[in-house]
């Protein structure tokens, strides 16, 4: 089982325990994919900021 599949299962379990029952398995997969992309962008942004700050010193 892939990490994204595990994350989708966790998301499903968490939302279900909070009363969300209207999403499909593909909805969970899409949400996880979006989160992973956002995390990648954040990681790149933070790395770029770190490089910029180091070069300014």
PDB file of N, CA and C in Angstrom:
ATOM      1  N   UNK A   1       0.857  -1.180   0.000  1.00  0.00           N
ATOM      2  CA  UNK A   1       0.000   0.000   0.000  1.00  0.00           C
ATOM      3  C   UNK A   1       0.900   1.238   0.000  1.00  0.00           C
ATOM      4  N   UNK A   2       0.589   2.176  -0.877  1.00  0.00           N
ATOM      5  CA  UNK A   2       1.411   3.377  -0.987  1.00  0.00           C
ATOM      6  C   UNK A   2       1.140   4.343   0.163  1.00  0.00           C
ATOM      7  N   UNK A   3       2.060   5.266   0.343  1.00  0.00           N
ATOM      8  CA  UNK A   3       1.911   6.282   1.380  1.00  0.00           C
ATOM      9  C   UNK A   3       0.647   7.101   1.132  1.00  0.00           C
ATOM     10  N   UNK A   4       0.400   7.453  -0.127  1.00  0.00           N
ATOM     11  CA  UNK A   4      -0.798   8.234  -0.449  1.00  0.00           C
ATOM     12  C   UNK A   4      -2.069   7.454  -0.127  1.00  0.00           C
ATOM     13  N   UNK A   5      -2.061   6.168  -0.364  1.00  0.00           N
ATOM     14  CA  UNK A   5      -3.225   5.336  -0.040  1.00  0.00           C
ATOM     15  C   UNK A   5      -3.444   5.285   1.466  1.00  0.00           C
ATOM     16  N   UNK A   6      -2.364   5.184   2.207  1.00  0.00           N
ATOM     17  CA  UNK A   6      -2.463   5.175   3.665  1.00  0.00           C
ATOM     18  C   UNK A   6      -2.999   6.518   4.152  1.00  0.00           C
ATOM     19  N   UNK A   7      -2.492   7.607   3.578  1.00  0.00           N
ATOM     20  CA  UNK A   7      -2.960   8.941   3.957  1.00  0.00           C
ATOM     21  C   UNK A   7      -4.448   9.101   3.633  1.00  0.00           C
ATOM     22  N   UNK A   8      -4.885   8.578   2.485  1.00  0.00           N
ATOM     23  CA  UNK A   8      -6.303   8.660   2.116  1.00  0.00           C
ATOM     24  C   UNK A   8      -7.165   7.877   3.101  1.00  0.00           C
ATOM     25  N   UNK A   9      -6.685   6.738   3.539  1.00  0.00           N
ATOM     26  CA  UNK A   9      -7.418   5.937   4.526  1.00  0.00           C
ATOM     27  C   UNK A   9      -7.512   6.667   5.851  1.00  0.00           C
ATOM     28  N   UNK A  10      -6.414   7.263   6.276  1.00  0.00           N
ATOM     29  CA  UNK A  10      -6.411   8.024   7.533  1.00  0.00           C
ATOM     30  C   UNK A  10      -7.380   9.199   7.428  1.00  0.00           C
ATOM     31  N   UNK A  11      -7.325   9.921   6.308  1.00  0.00           N
ATOM     32  CA  UNK A  11      -8.222  11.049   6.094  1.00  0.00           C
ATOM     33  C   UNK A  11      -9.673  10.583   6.139  1.00  0.00           C
ATOM     34  N   UNK A  12      -9.961   9.495   5.448  1.00  0.00           N
ATOM     35  CA  UNK A  12     -11.313   8.937   5.455  1.00  0.00           C
ATOM     36  C   UNK A  12     -11.762   8.620   6.874  1.00  0.00           C
ATOM     37  N   UNK A  13     -10.929   7.943   7.632  1.00  0.00           N
ATOM     38  CA  UNK A  13     -11.279   7.566   9.006  1.00  0.00           C
ATOM     39  C   UNK A  13     -11.510   8.793   9.878  1.00  0.00           C
ATOM     40  N   UNK A  14     -10.648   9.792   9.741  1.00  0.00           N
ATOM     41  CA  UNK A  14     -10.779  11.002  10.549  1.00  0.00           C
ATOM     42  C   UNK A  14     -12.056  11.765  10.212  1.00  0.00           C
ATOM     43  N   UNK A  15     -12.336  11.928   8.927  1.00  0.00           N
ATOM     44  CA  UNK A  15     -13.534  12.661   8.538  1.00  0.00           C
ATOM     45  C   UNK A  15     -14.800  11.889   8.893  1.00  0.00           C
ATOM     46  N   UNK A  16     -14.768  10.571   8.709  1.00  0.00           N
ATOM     47  CA  UNK A  16     -15.925   9.750   9.068  1.00  0.00           C
ATOM     48  C   UNK A  16     -16.214   9.860  10.561  1.00  0.00           C
ATOM     49  N   UNK A  17     -15.177   9.856  11.369  1.00  0.00           N
ATOM     50  CA  UNK A  17     -15.383   9.964  12.820  1.00  0.00           C
ATOM     51  C   UNK A  17     -15.940  11.324  13.217  1.00  0.00           C
ATOM     52  N   UNK A  18     -15.840  12.303  12.301  1.00  0.00           N
ATOM     53  CA  UNK A  18     -16.380  13.646  12.549  1.00  0.00           C
ATOM     54  C   UNK A  18     -17.704  13.864  11.818  1.00  0.00           C
ATOM     55  N   UNK A  19     -18.257  12.805  11.280  1.00  0.00           N
ATOM     56  CA  UNK A  19     -19.575  12.877  10.678  1.00  0.00           C
ATOM     57  C   UNK A  19     -19.614  13.152   9.191  1.00  0.00           C
ATOM     58  N   UNK A  20     -18.475  13.141   8.514  1.00  0.00           N
ATOM     59  CA  UNK A  20     -18.460  13.365   7.068  1.00  0.00           C
ATOM     60  C   UNK A  20     -18.585  12.008   6.375  1.00  0.00           C
ATOM     61  N   UNK A  21     -19.685  11.841   5.643  1.00  0.00           N
ATOM     62  CA  UNK A  21     -19.941  10.555   4.987  1.00  0.00           C
ATOM     63  C   UNK A  21     -20.215  10.713   3.492  1.00  0.00           C
ATOM     64  N   UNK A  22     -20.082  11.928   2.978  1.00  0.00           N
ATOM     65  CA  UNK A  22     -20.513  12.192   1.608  1.00  0.00           C
ATOM     66  C   UNK A  22     -19.395  12.113   0.565  1.00  0.00           C
ATOM     67  N   UNK A  23     -18.169  11.856   0.983  1.00  0.00           N
ATOM     68  CA  UNK A  23     -17.056  11.824   0.033  1.00  0.00           C
ATOM     69  C   UNK A  23     -16.831  10.416  -0.493  1.00  0.00           C
ATOM     70  N   UNK A  24     -16.361  10.351  -1.721  1.00  0.00           N
ATOM     71  CA  UNK A  24     -16.052   9.065  -2.341  1.00  0.00           C
ATOM     72  C   UNK A  24     -14.575   8.738  -2.128  1.00  0.00           C
ATOM     73  N   UNK A  25     -14.182   7.482  -2.344  1.00  0.00           N
ATOM     74  CA  UNK A  25     -12.760   7.148  -2.238  1.00  0.00           C
ATOM     75  C   UNK A  25     -11.882   8.019  -3.139  1.00  0.00           C
ATOM     76  N   UNK A  26     -12.367   8.345  -4.327  1.00  0.00           N
ATOM     77  CA  UNK A  26     -11.570   9.194  -5.210  1.00  0.00           C
ATOM     78  C   UNK A  26     -11.451  10.615  -4.664  1.00  0.00           C
ATOM     79  N   UNK A  27     -12.465  11.078  -3.927  1.00  0.00           N
ATOM     80  CA  UNK A  27     -12.370  12.392  -3.276  1.00  0.00           C
ATOM     81  C   UNK A  27     -11.210  12.408  -2.284  1.00  0.00           C
ATOM     82  N   UNK A  28     -11.115  11.369  -1.488  1.00  0.00           N
ATOM     83  CA  UNK A  28     -10.027  11.289  -0.503  1.00  0.00           C
ATOM     84  C   UNK A  28      -8.674  11.259  -1.196  1.00  0.00           C
ATOM     85  N   UNK A  29      -8.579  10.494  -2.267  1.00  0.00           N
ATOM     86  CA  UNK A  29      -7.324  10.413  -3.015  1.00  0.00           C
ATOM     87  C   UNK A  29      -6.948  11.775  -3.601  1.00  0.00           C
ATOM     88  N   UNK A  30      -7.933  12.484  -4.133  1.00  0.00           N
ATOM     89  CA  UNK A  30      -7.675  13.810  -4.705  1.00  0.00           C
ATOM     90  C   UNK A  30      -7.236  14.799  -3.634  1.00  0.00           C
ATOM     91  N   UNK A  31      -7.871  14.737  -2.469  1.00  0.00           N
ATOM     92  CA  UNK A  31      -7.489  15.631  -1.367  1.00  0.00           C
ATOM     93  C   UNK A  31      -6.058  15.360  -0.941  1.00  0.00           C
ATOM     94  N   UNK A  32      -5.709  14.093  -0.806  1.00  0.00           N
ATOM     95  CA  UNK A  32      -4.343  13.729  -0.414  1.00  0.00           C
ATOM     96  C   UNK A  32      -3.346  14.188  -1.476  1.00  0.00           C
ATOM     97  N   UNK A  33      -3.670  13.994  -2.734  1.00  0.00           N
ATOM     98  CA  UNK A  33      -2.780  14.431  -3.814  1.00  0.00           C
ATOM     99  C   UNK A  33      -2.549  15.937  -3.731  1.00  0.00           C
ATOM    100  N   UNK A  34      -3.610  16.685  -3.495  1.00  0.00           N
ATOM    101  CA  UNK A  34      -3.510  18.145  -3.356  1.00  0.00           C
ATOM    102  C   UNK A  34      -2.639  18.522  -2.158  1.00  0.00           C
ATOM    103  N   UNK A  35      -2.832  17.839  -1.053  1.00  0.00           N
ATOM    104  CA  UNK A  35      -2.019  18.107   0.136  1.00  0.00           C
ATOM    105  C   UNK A  35      -0.542  17.827  -0.117  1.00  0.00           C
ATOM    106  N   UNK A  36      -0.252  16.724  -0.773  1.00  0.00           N
ATOM    107  CA  UNK A  36       1.130  16.367  -1.083  1.00  0.00           C
ATOM    108  C   UNK A  36       1.757  17.434  -1.973  1.00  0.00           C
ATOM    109  N   UNK A  37       1.023  17.897  -2.980  1.00  0.00           N
ATOM    110  CA  UNK A  37       1.535  18.951  -3.864  1.00  0.00           C
ATOM    111  C   UNK A  37       1.788  20.243  -3.098  1.00  0.00           C
ATOM    112  N   UNK A  38       0.869  20.603  -2.223  1.00  0.00           N
ATOM    113  CA  UNK A  38       1.040  21.815  -1.425  1.00  0.00           C
ATOM    114  C   UNK A  38       2.252  21.703  -0.500  1.00  0.00           C
ATOM    115  N   UNK A  39       2.464  20.521   0.067  1.00  0.00           N
ATOM    116  CA  UNK A  39       3.629  20.308   0.926  1.00  0.00           C
ATOM    117  C   UNK A  39       4.930  20.405   0.131  1.00  0.00           C
ATOM    118  N   UNK A  40       4.931  19.870  -1.101  1.00  0.00           N
ATOM    119  CA  UNK A  40       6.116  19.977  -1.950  1.00  0.00           C
ATOM    120  C   UNK A  40       6.431  21.440  -2.247  1.00  0.00           C
ATOM    121  N   UNK A  41       5.385  22.211  -2.581  1.00  0.00           N
ATOM    122  CA  UNK A  41       5.571  23.631  -2.872  1.00  0.00           C
ATOM    123  C   UNK A  41       6.076  24.382  -1.645  1.00  0.00           C
ATOM    124  N   UNK A  42       5.533  24.055  -0.490  1.00  0.00           N
ATOM    125  CA  UNK A  42       5.985  24.685   0.750  1.00  0.00           C
ATOM    126  C   UNK A  42       7.440  24.348   1.025  1.00  0.00           C
ATOM    127  N   UNK A  43       7.802  23.087   0.838  1.00  0.00           N
ATOM    128  CA  UNK A  43       9.183  22.657   1.049  1.00  0.00           C
ATOM    129  C   UNK A  43      10.136  23.411   0.124  1.00  0.00           C
ATOM    130  N   UNK A  44       9.772  23.549  -1.144  1.00  0.00           N
ATOM    131  CA  UNK A  44      10.615  24.285  -2.090  1.00  0.00           C
ATOM    132  C   UNK A  44      10.718  25.759  -1.711  1.00  0.00           C
ATOM    133  N   UNK A  45       9.609  26.330  -1.298  1.00  0.00           N
ATOM    134  CA  UNK A  45       9.593  27.735  -0.898  1.00  0.00           C
ATOM    135  C   UNK A  45      10.484  27.970   0.315  1.00  0.00           C
ATOM    136  N   UNK A  46      10.393  27.085   1.288  1.00  0.00           N
ATOM    137  CA  UNK A  46      11.223  27.222   2.490  1.00  0.00           C
ATOM    138  C   UNK A  46      12.700  27.030   2.169  1.00  0.00           C
ATOM    139  N   UNK A  47      12.997  26.087   1.281  1.00  0.00           N
ATOM    140  CA  UNK A  47      14.391  25.865   0.880  1.00  0.00           C
ATOM    141  C   UNK A  47      14.931  27.093   0.154  1.00  0.00           C
ATOM    142  N   UNK A  48      14.123  27.671  -0.725  1.00  0.00           N
ATOM    143  CA  UNK A  48      14.555  28.874  -1.445  1.00  0.00           C
ATOM    144  C   UNK A  48      14.775  30.023  -0.485  1.00  0.00           C
ATOM    145  N   UNK A  49      13.898  30.171   0.485  1.00  0.00           N
ATOM    146  CA  UNK A  49      14.055  31.233   1.482  1.00  0.00           C
ATOM    147  C   UNK A  49      15.336  31.045   2.282  1.00  0.00           C
ATOM    148  N   UNK A  50      15.611  29.793   2.647  1.00  0.00           N
ATOM    149  CA  UNK A  50      16.825  29.496   3.418  1.00  0.00           C
ATOM    150  C   UNK A  50      18.071  29.847   2.608  1.00  0.00           C
ATOM    151  N   UNK A  51      18.080  29.498   1.338  1.00  0.00           N
ATOM    152  CA  UNK A  51      19.219  29.803   0.469  1.00  0.00           C
ATOM    153  C   UNK A  51      19.385  31.303   0.332  1.00  0.00           C
ATOM    154  N   UNK A  52      18.284  32.013   0.159  1.00  0.00           N
ATOM    155  CA  UNK A  52      18.327  33.482   0.019  1.00  0.00           C
ATOM    156  C   UNK A  52      18.863  34.114   1.297  1.00  0.00           C
ATOM    157  N   UNK A  53      18.396  33.660   2.429  1.00  0.00           N
ATOM    158  CA  UNK A  53      18.857  34.214   3.700  1.00  0.00           C
ATOM    159  C   UNK A  53      20.334  33.948   3.926  1.00  0.00           C
ATOM    160  N   UNK A  54      20.804  32.779   3.548  1.00  0.00           N
ATOM    161  CA  UNK A  54      22.220  32.444   3.714  1.00  0.00           C
ATOM    162  C   UNK A  54      23.085  33.314   2.810  1.00  0.00           C
ATOM    163  N   UNK A  55      22.618  33.587   1.608  1.00  0.00           N
ATOM    164  CA  UNK A  55      23.406  34.380   0.670  1.00  0.00           C
ATOM    165  C   UNK A  55      23.425  35.859   1.049  1.00  0.00           C
ATOM    166  N   UNK A  56      22.439  36.296   1.829  1.00  0.00           N
ATOM    167  CA  UNK A  56      22.383  37.692   2.263  1.00  0.00           C
ATOM    168  C   UNK A  56      23.291  37.961   3.462  1.00  0.00           C
ATOM    169  N   UNK A  57      23.773  36.940   4.091  1.00  0.00           N
ATOM    170  CA  UNK A  57      24.603  37.101   5.299  1.00  0.00           C
ATOM    171  C   UNK A  57      26.019  37.402   4.946  1.00  0.00           C
TER     172      UNK A  57
END
